[in-house]
Amino acid sequence: MIRYVGIDVGKAKCRAAIVNQQGDVENEFFFENSKEGIGELVEALTVEDRVVMESTGNLWLSIYAALDSLRIKVVLANPMQTKASYSKKKTDKVDARKLALLLKAGLVSESYVPPGYLREMPALVRHRLSLVKLRTMEKNKVHAVLDKYGYRCGKSDSSVKAGREWPGKLEFSGLDRVGSRRLLWLLLARC
């Protein structure tokens, strides 16, 4: 028999409400948002159950992955759209029940969740972009110090041997001496 499960996701703990087909609350409980807690949730569910939770940062990912791997139908609700249907009294208990009832009524605005093998791709791309941004920031620091002292990196300095020797020949004063050598060696004189 199909049951509808609403989960109010939190950082440390989550609240689950299980509603039957008549709309009655069968069970409610808290569980930790950890492997052990998610294991407790999984034990309380069956493959026939339908689960809904809001996308709260990255906090929903572990729960979603665990349920999805067991072939339990999970709906990720768009919190901006489900927010409008909430009452003024907002607690974990009310939120979990409301989500379960909205799912039962077919009124949940579902967010797209890519298949498991594609879920890490956006994170990988974001990580690469952040590394490129950091590299660019470091290069800009090096160029700022070089410009301050009037040093120019010529194309003849770009050979491996000359490129490694060139930063050691430069002279800096004060605080520029502290960070510039490290930054210049990182750049390896590739201007």
Protein backbone atom coordinates (compact mmCIF):
# COMPACT_ATOMS: atom_id res chain seq x y z
CA MET A 1 0.00 0.00 0.00
CA ILE A 2 1.40 3.40 -1.01
CA ARG A 3 2.30 5.85 1.75
CA TYR A 4 3.40 9.43 1.37
CA VAL A 5 6.46 10.60 3.28
CA GLY A 6 7.32 14.24 3.83
CA ILE A 7 10.80 15.05 5.05
CA ASP A 8 11.76 18.40 6.53
CA VAL A 9 15.52 18.42 5.94
CA GLY A 10 17.81 20.03 8.48
CA LYS A 11 21.55 20.23 8.93
CA ALA A 12 21.75 18.09 12.06
CA LYS A 13 18.35 16.42 12.17
CA CYS A 14 15.42 15.85 9.86
CA ARG A 15 11.73 15.28 10.56
CA ALA A 16 9.74 12.65 8.65
CA ALA A 17 5.96 12.33 8.51
CA ILE A 18 4.36 9.22 6.98
CA VAL A 19 0.80 9.71 5.73
CA ASN A 20 -1.45 6.88 4.50
CA GLN A 21 -3.82 6.99 1.50
CA GLN A 22 -6.64 8.33 3.68
CA GLY A 23 -4.49 11.32 4.67
CA ASP A 24 -3.93 10.17 8.26
CA VAL A 25 -0.49 10.47 9.85
CA GLU A 26 0.76 6.94 10.49
CA ASN A 27 4.13 7.81 11.96
CA GLU A 28 6.36 10.79 12.67
CA PHE A 29 9.95 10.78 13.80
CA PHE A 30 13.21 12.67 13.84
CA PHE A 31 16.37 11.20 12.35
CA GLU A 32 19.91 12.49 12.15
CA ASN A 33 21.14 13.80 8.83
CA SER A 34 23.97 11.25 8.88
CA LYS A 35 24.58 7.77 7.48
CA GLU A 36 23.21 6.19 10.65
CA GLY A 37 20.14 8.43 10.72
CA ILE A 38 19.41 7.91 7.03
CA GLY A 39 19.71 4.16 7.69
CA GLU A 40 16.95 4.51 10.30
CA LEU A 41 14.78 6.33 7.76
CA VAL A 42 15.35 3.63 5.14
CA GLU A 43 14.32 0.91 7.62
CA ALA A 44 10.98 2.68 8.17
CA LEU A 45 10.14 2.82 4.44
CA THR A 46 9.11 0.38 1.74
CA VAL A 47 9.70 0.41 -2.00
CA GLU A 48 6.05 1.41 -2.51
CA ASP A 49 6.40 4.61 -0.46
CA ARG A 50 6.61 7.99 -2.17
CA VAL A 51 8.93 10.55 -0.57
CA VAL A 52 9.11 14.32 -0.90
CA MET A 53 11.64 16.78 0.52
CA GLU A 54 12.70 20.32 -0.22
CA SER A 55 16.05 21.12 -1.80
CA THR A 56 17.87 22.69 1.12
CA GLY A 57 21.42 23.55 0.07
CA ASN A 58 23.35 20.29 -0.22
CA LEU A 59 21.69 18.78 2.85
CA TRP A 60 19.21 16.70 0.85
CA LEU A 61 21.79 14.96 -1.36
CA SER A 62 22.70 12.06 0.96
CA ILE A 63 19.07 11.29 1.75
CA TYR A 64 18.10 11.45 -1.92
CA ALA A 65 21.00 9.21 -2.98
CA ALA A 66 20.18 6.59 -0.32
CA LEU A 67 16.49 6.44 -1.25
CA ASP A 68 17.16 6.55 -4.99
CA SER A 69 19.62 3.64 -4.73
CA LEU A 70 16.82 1.55 -3.16
CA ARG A 71 14.45 2.52 -5.98
CA ILE A 72 12.16 4.47 -3.65
CA LYS A 73 10.41 7.22 -5.60
CA VAL A 74 11.72 10.57 -4.36
CA VAL A 75 10.43 13.98 -5.37
CA LEU A 76 12.59 17.02 -4.75
CA ALA A 77 10.28 19.95 -4.13
CA ASN A 78 11.09 23.49 -5.14
CA PRO A 79 11.02 25.33 -1.78
CA MET A 80 10.01 28.64 -3.36
CA GLN A 81 6.86 27.08 -4.79
CA THR A 82 5.87 24.95 -1.80
CA LYS A 83 6.40 27.92 0.54
CA ALA A 84 3.21 29.55 -0.72
CA SER A 85 1.09 26.62 0.43
CA TYR A 86 2.38 26.63 4.02
CA SER A 87 0.40 27.95 6.94
CA LYS A 88 1.80 30.70 9.16
CA LYS A 89 2.71 28.16 11.83
CA LYS A 90 6.00 26.75 10.57
CA THR A 91 7.67 23.95 12.53
CA ASP A 92 9.52 20.79 11.47
CA LYS A 93 6.43 18.75 12.33
CA VAL A 94 4.07 20.98 10.31
CA ASP A 95 6.49 21.17 7.37
CA ALA A 96 6.95 17.39 7.13
CA ARG A 97 3.18 16.77 7.33
CA LYS A 98 2.41 19.51 4.79
CA LEU A 99 4.94 18.11 2.32
CA ALA A 100 3.46 14.59 2.64
CA LEU A 101 -0.07 15.92 2.11
CA LEU A 102 0.99 18.04 -0.88
CA LEU A 103 2.62 14.96 -2.44
CA LYS A 104 -0.52 12.91 -1.81
CA ALA A 105 -2.62 15.60 -3.52
CA GLY A 106 -0.19 15.84 -6.47
CA LEU A 107 0.55 19.51 -5.74
CA VAL A 108 4.33 19.39 -5.45
CA SER A 109 6.34 21.42 -7.95
CA GLU A 110 9.17 19.02 -8.67
CA SER A 111 12.77 20.13 -9.19
CA TYR A 112 14.86 18.29 -11.76
CA VAL A 113 17.51 15.98 -10.31
CA PRO A 114 19.92 14.52 -12.85
CA PRO A 115 20.75 10.81 -12.76
CA GLY A 116 23.43 9.77 -10.27
CA TYR A 117 26.22 9.49 -12.83
CA LEU A 118 25.66 13.12 -13.88
CA ARG A 119 25.17 14.68 -10.42
CA GLU A 120 28.86 15.26 -9.82
CA MET A 121 29.54 16.92 -13.17
CA PRO A 122 28.35 20.44 -12.17
CA ALA A 123 30.39 20.21 -8.96
CA LEU A 124 33.45 19.17 -10.96
CA VAL A 125 32.99 22.08 -13.37
CA ARG A 126 32.50 24.54 -10.45
CA HIS A 127 35.65 23.18 -8.78
CA ARG A 128 37.68 23.61 -11.96
CA LEU A 129 36.36 27.15 -12.39
CA SER A 130 37.37 28.01 -8.83
CA LEU A 131 40.88 26.61 -9.41
CA VAL A 132 41.24 28.62 -12.63
CA LYS A 133 40.03 31.72 -10.79
CA LEU A 134 42.60 31.16 -8.00
CA ARG A 135 45.37 30.64 -10.56
CA THR A 136 44.39 33.87 -12.31
CA MET A 137 44.37 35.75 -9.00
CA GLU A 138 47.88 34.48 -8.21
CA LYS A 139 49.15 35.44 -11.66
CA ASN A 140 47.63 38.90 -11.29
CA LYS A 141 49.45 39.32 -7.95
CA VAL A 142 52.74 38.39 -9.61
CA HIS A 143 52.17 40.81 -12.48
CA ALA A 144 51.24 43.59 -10.04
CA VAL A 145 54.53 43.16 -8.15
CA LEU A 146 56.52 42.91 -11.39
CA ASP A 147 54.84 46.08 -12.68
CA LYS A 148 55.54 47.90 -9.40
CA TYR A 149 59.29 47.32 -9.85
CA GLY A 150 59.29 47.71 -13.62
CA TYR A 151 60.27 44.11 -14.36
CA ARG A 152 59.20 42.61 -17.66
CA CYS A 153 59.20 38.99 -18.63
CA GLY A 154 60.51 38.69 -22.14
CA LYS A 155 59.89 35.77 -24.45
CA SER A 156 63.55 34.82 -24.17
CA ASP A 157 62.97 34.17 -20.46
CA SER A 158 60.26 31.64 -21.12
CA SER A 159 62.58 28.66 -21.70
CA VAL A 160 62.50 26.18 -18.84
CA LYS A 161 66.04 26.85 -17.57
CA ALA A 162 65.95 30.62 -17.98
CA GLY A 163 62.41 30.74 -16.66
CA ARG A 164 63.45 29.05 -13.43
CA GLU A 165 66.51 31.23 -12.95
CA TRP A 166 64.88 34.56 -13.80
CA PRO A 167 62.79 35.02 -10.58
CA GLY A 168 65.88 34.45 -8.41
CA LYS A 169 67.64 37.40 -10.04
CA LEU A 170 64.92 39.90 -9.17
CA GLU A 171 65.19 42.22 -6.18
CA PHE A 172 62.27 43.44 -4.07
CA SER A 173 62.01 45.53 -0.93
CA GLY A 174 59.86 45.37 2.20
CA LEU A 175 56.80 43.18 2.24
CA ASP A 176 57.03 42.51 -1.48
CA ARG A 177 60.11 40.38 -0.75
CA VAL A 178 58.06 37.99 1.45
CA GLY A 179 55.37 36.91 -0.98
CA SER A 180 56.84 37.71 -4.36
CA ARG A 181 59.45 34.98 -4.53
CA ARG A 182 56.89 32.27 -3.77
CA LEU A 183 54.44 33.68 -6.29
CA LEU A 184 57.13 34.06 -8.93
CA TRP A 185 58.28 30.48 -8.48
CA LEU A 186 54.66 29.34 -8.80
CA LEU A 187 54.39 31.19 -12.05
CA LEU A 188 57.76 29.79 -13.21
CA ALA A 189 58.38 33.00 -15.12
CA ARG A 190 55.63 32.24 -17.64
CA CYS A 191 54.32 35.79 -18.14
